[in-house]
Amino acid sequence: MINAGSAYTKSERTQRTDAKTMTKPDGELLTKLLIEVADNESRTAFESLFSYFAPKIRSYGMRTLHQEALALELVQETMMLVWRKASLFNREKGAATTWIFTIMRNVSFDMLRKMQSNREDNISSDIWPLFEEDGQRCDEQAAKDQLHGNLMAISTSYRTCSSKSSEAFTSNSSPIKNWQSNSKSHSGQ
């Protein structure tokens, strides 16, 4: 059995120790670790990045997603993308923390969009009945006919209301006089 500690080079052990023991590693160390992941697929550098960023990503996930499982999924998805896309990191464009937190933000937006989409699917199933009370599947044509009937009723109701209001506004007298004359005719005067 190979001793895991001896398989790492001295610089890898130093990087691993530095990132884990420092409460706030400087940006240059994090950038070096990310470049090490990109160039050499260094697991120790990635472990250091993971141990530094995972609690921060989890905390953000708890604030935005409000569930422990989703927060942990956010950590997993974000760090998986960091591992896979580390070669795309460009230190001239920004710091490693900015790059990783941007990935985290994008993953959380994707998760929120997916949650919203699932909610809309659940709501739509409440609006459109798929089963009759006796458990039989609704006849598609009957559902279409019912929908058509409802739309026609709404349309007729709308036309009736709009024609009455347009009559009131198109007559020569004011709407108030029309209302007064209508109320007098209904009261028997």
Protein backbone atom coordinates (compact mmCIF):
# COMPACT_ATOMS: atom_id res chain seq x y z
CA MET A 1 0.00 0.00 0.00
CA ILE A 2 1.34 3.40 -0.98
CA ASN A 3 1.55 6.05 1.68
CA ALA A 4 -0.57 8.95 0.41
CA GLY A 5 1.65 11.52 2.10
CA SER A 6 4.78 10.35 0.28
CA ALA A 7 3.10 10.38 -3.15
CA TYR A 8 2.95 14.18 -3.13
CA THR A 9 5.86 16.41 -3.96
CA LYS A 10 7.12 18.78 -1.30
CA SER A 11 5.58 21.81 -3.06
CA GLU A 12 2.21 20.03 -3.27
CA ARG A 13 2.30 19.20 0.44
CA THR A 14 3.22 22.83 1.21
CA GLN A 15 0.38 24.18 -0.97
CA ARG A 16 -2.06 21.77 0.60
CA THR A 17 -1.02 22.73 4.10
CA ASP A 18 -0.97 26.47 3.31
CA ALA A 19 -4.50 26.61 1.93
CA LYS A 20 -5.97 24.49 4.71
CA THR A 21 -4.29 26.21 7.61
CA MET A 22 -4.62 29.79 6.46
CA THR A 23 -7.93 31.33 7.37
CA LYS A 24 -7.66 33.75 4.49
CA PRO A 25 -5.11 32.70 1.89
CA ASP A 26 -3.99 35.46 -0.40
CA GLY A 27 -5.33 35.62 -3.91
CA GLU A 28 -1.97 34.69 -5.38
CA LEU A 29 -1.90 31.33 -3.57
CA LEU A 30 -5.44 30.53 -4.76
CA THR A 31 -4.47 31.50 -8.31
CA LYS A 32 -1.39 29.26 -8.14
CA LEU A 33 -3.51 26.38 -6.87
CA LEU A 34 -6.03 26.85 -9.67
CA ILE A 35 -3.27 27.00 -12.28
CA GLU A 36 -1.77 23.84 -10.78
CA VAL A 37 -5.15 22.13 -11.21
CA ALA A 38 -5.36 23.38 -14.80
CA ASP A 39 -1.82 22.46 -15.85
CA ASN A 40 -1.16 19.25 -13.92
CA GLU A 41 -4.60 18.10 -12.73
CA SER A 42 -3.15 18.23 -9.24
CA ARG A 43 -5.49 16.58 -6.78
CA THR A 44 -3.79 18.14 -3.79
CA ALA A 45 -4.20 21.63 -5.23
CA PHE A 46 -7.84 20.85 -5.92
CA GLU A 47 -8.32 19.51 -2.39
CA SER A 48 -6.92 22.78 -1.07
CA LEU A 49 -9.26 24.81 -3.26
CA PHE A 50 -12.16 22.59 -2.25
CA SER A 51 -11.45 22.89 1.45
CA TYR A 52 -11.27 26.67 1.15
CA PHE A 53 -14.27 27.28 -1.13
CA ALA A 54 -16.71 24.51 -0.12
CA PRO A 55 -17.86 26.16 3.16
CA LYS A 56 -18.32 29.50 1.40
CA ILE A 57 -20.29 27.97 -1.46
CA ARG A 58 -22.40 25.94 0.97
CA SER A 59 -23.17 29.06 2.99
CA TYR A 60 -24.24 30.91 -0.16
CA GLY A 61 -26.36 27.90 -1.16
CA MET A 62 -28.14 27.85 2.20
CA ARG A 63 -28.96 31.56 1.86
CA THR A 64 -30.26 31.32 -1.70
CA LEU A 65 -31.66 27.80 -1.99
CA HIS A 66 -32.87 27.34 1.63
CA GLN A 67 -32.21 23.58 1.70
CA GLU A 68 -29.17 21.69 2.93
CA ALA A 69 -29.32 19.11 0.12
CA LEU A 70 -29.49 21.80 -2.56
CA ALA A 71 -26.64 23.73 -0.94
CA LEU A 72 -24.46 20.61 -0.98
CA GLU A 73 -25.44 19.96 -4.59
CA LEU A 74 -24.36 23.52 -5.39
CA VAL A 75 -20.95 22.81 -3.82
CA GLN A 76 -20.60 19.58 -5.77
CA GLU A 77 -21.66 21.05 -9.13
CA THR A 78 -19.52 24.17 -8.72
CA MET A 79 -16.37 22.34 -7.73
CA MET A 80 -16.88 19.73 -10.46
CA LEU A 81 -16.98 22.56 -13.01
CA VAL A 82 -13.89 24.12 -11.45
CA TRP A 83 -12.07 20.80 -11.92
CA ARG A 84 -13.27 20.32 -15.50
CA LYS A 85 -12.87 23.92 -16.68
CA ALA A 86 -9.74 24.94 -14.77
CA SER A 87 -7.85 25.20 -18.06
CA LEU A 88 -10.18 28.06 -19.09
CA PHE A 89 -9.08 30.22 -16.15
CA ASN A 90 -7.18 33.33 -17.28
CA ARG A 91 -5.38 35.18 -14.50
CA GLU A 92 -5.25 38.38 -16.61
CA LYS A 93 -9.05 38.57 -16.65
CA GLY A 94 -9.59 38.19 -12.92
CA ALA A 95 -8.76 36.51 -9.65
CA ALA A 96 -9.34 32.84 -8.92
CA THR A 97 -11.96 33.71 -6.30
CA THR A 98 -13.89 35.81 -8.81
CA TRP A 99 -13.76 33.02 -11.38
CA ILE A 100 -14.92 30.33 -8.94
CA PHE A 101 -17.66 32.50 -7.43
CA THR A 102 -18.91 33.33 -10.94
CA ILE A 103 -19.19 29.62 -11.67
CA MET A 104 -21.04 29.20 -8.37
CA ARG A 105 -23.45 32.02 -9.20
CA ASN A 106 -24.21 30.58 -12.64
CA VAL A 107 -24.80 27.10 -11.23
CA SER A 108 -27.13 28.52 -8.56
CA PHE A 109 -29.09 30.43 -11.24
CA ASP A 110 -29.44 27.20 -13.21
CA MET A 111 -30.69 25.41 -10.11
CA LEU A 112 -33.20 28.18 -9.34
CA ARG A 113 -34.44 28.13 -12.95
CA LYS A 114 -34.88 24.37 -12.75
CA MET A 115 -36.77 24.68 -9.45
CA GLN A 116 -39.04 27.38 -10.94
CA SER A 117 -39.70 25.25 -14.01
CA ASN A 118 -40.64 22.27 -11.82
CA ARG A 119 -42.99 24.50 -9.82
CA GLU A 120 -44.69 25.70 -13.00
CA ASP A 121 -45.11 22.10 -14.15
CA ASN A 122 -46.77 21.23 -10.84
CA ILE A 123 -49.10 24.22 -11.01
CA SER A 124 -50.11 23.49 -14.60
CA SER A 125 -51.13 19.97 -13.63
CA ASP A 126 -53.48 21.50 -11.05
CA ILE A 127 -55.05 23.79 -13.64
CA TRP A 128 -55.65 21.23 -16.37
CA PRO A 129 -57.51 18.22 -15.00
CA LEU A 130 -56.11 14.99 -16.36
CA PHE A 131 -58.43 12.62 -14.54
CA GLU A 132 -62.14 12.59 -13.95
CA GLU A 133 -63.49 11.97 -10.48
CA ASP A 134 -63.96 8.26 -11.13
CA GLY A 135 -60.28 7.95 -12.07
CA GLN A 136 -60.81 7.55 -15.82
CA ARG A 137 -58.68 9.54 -18.23
CA CYS A 138 -60.60 12.52 -19.64
CA ASP A 139 -61.58 12.32 -23.23
CA GLU A 140 -59.40 14.76 -25.12
CA GLN A 141 -62.24 15.95 -27.34
CA ALA A 142 -64.53 16.54 -24.34
CA ALA A 143 -61.80 18.61 -22.69
CA LYS A 144 -61.37 20.63 -25.88
CA ASP A 145 -65.14 21.16 -26.14
CA GLN A 146 -65.32 22.30 -22.53
CA LEU A 147 -62.43 24.70 -23.04
CA HIS A 148 -64.02 26.04 -26.22
CA GLY A 149 -67.35 26.52 -24.41
CA ASN A 150 -65.67 28.40 -21.58
CA LEU A 151 -63.83 30.65 -24.01
CA MET A 152 -67.05 31.37 -25.92
CA ALA A 153 -68.85 32.26 -22.67
CA ILE A 154 -66.05 34.65 -21.72
CA SER A 155 -66.04 36.15 -25.20
CA THR A 156 -69.85 36.66 -25.17
CA SER A 157 -69.69 38.20 -21.73
CA TYR A 158 -66.92 40.53 -22.84
CA ARG A 159 -68.81 41.57 -25.99
CA THR A 160 -71.96 42.30 -23.98
CA CYS A 161 -70.09 44.44 -21.45
CA SER A 162 -68.09 46.29 -24.07
CA SER A 163 -71.16 47.00 -26.25
CA LYS A 164 -73.07 48.46 -23.28
CA SER A 165 -70.14 50.66 -22.32
CA SER A 166 -69.59 51.78 -25.92
CA GLU A 167 -73.31 52.66 -26.27
CA ALA A 168 -73.05 54.84 -23.19
CA PHE A 169 -70.05 56.69 -24.55
CA THR A 170 -71.22 57.03 -28.17
CA SER A 171 -74.64 58.54 -27.48
CA ASN A 172 -75.09 62.32 -27.73
CA SER A 173 -75.76 62.73 -24.06
CA SER A 174 -73.25 62.21 -21.30
CA PRO A 175 -72.91 58.86 -19.49
CA ILE A 176 -74.31 60.45 -16.34
CA LYS A 177 -77.49 61.48 -18.16
CA ASN A 178 -77.77 57.97 -19.64
CA TRP A 179 -77.44 56.50 -16.19
CA GLN A 180 -80.05 58.90 -14.79
CA SER A 181 -82.49 58.15 -17.60
CA ASN A 182 -81.93 54.41 -17.21
CA SER A 183 -82.54 54.63 -13.45
CA LYS A 184 -85.75 56.66 -14.01
CA SER A 185 -87.06 54.15 -16.53
CA HIS A 186 -86.37 51.26 -14.13
CA SER A 187 -88.02 53.03 -11.19
CA GLY A 188 -91.22 53.67 -13.15
CA GLN A 189 -90.95 57.45 -13.48
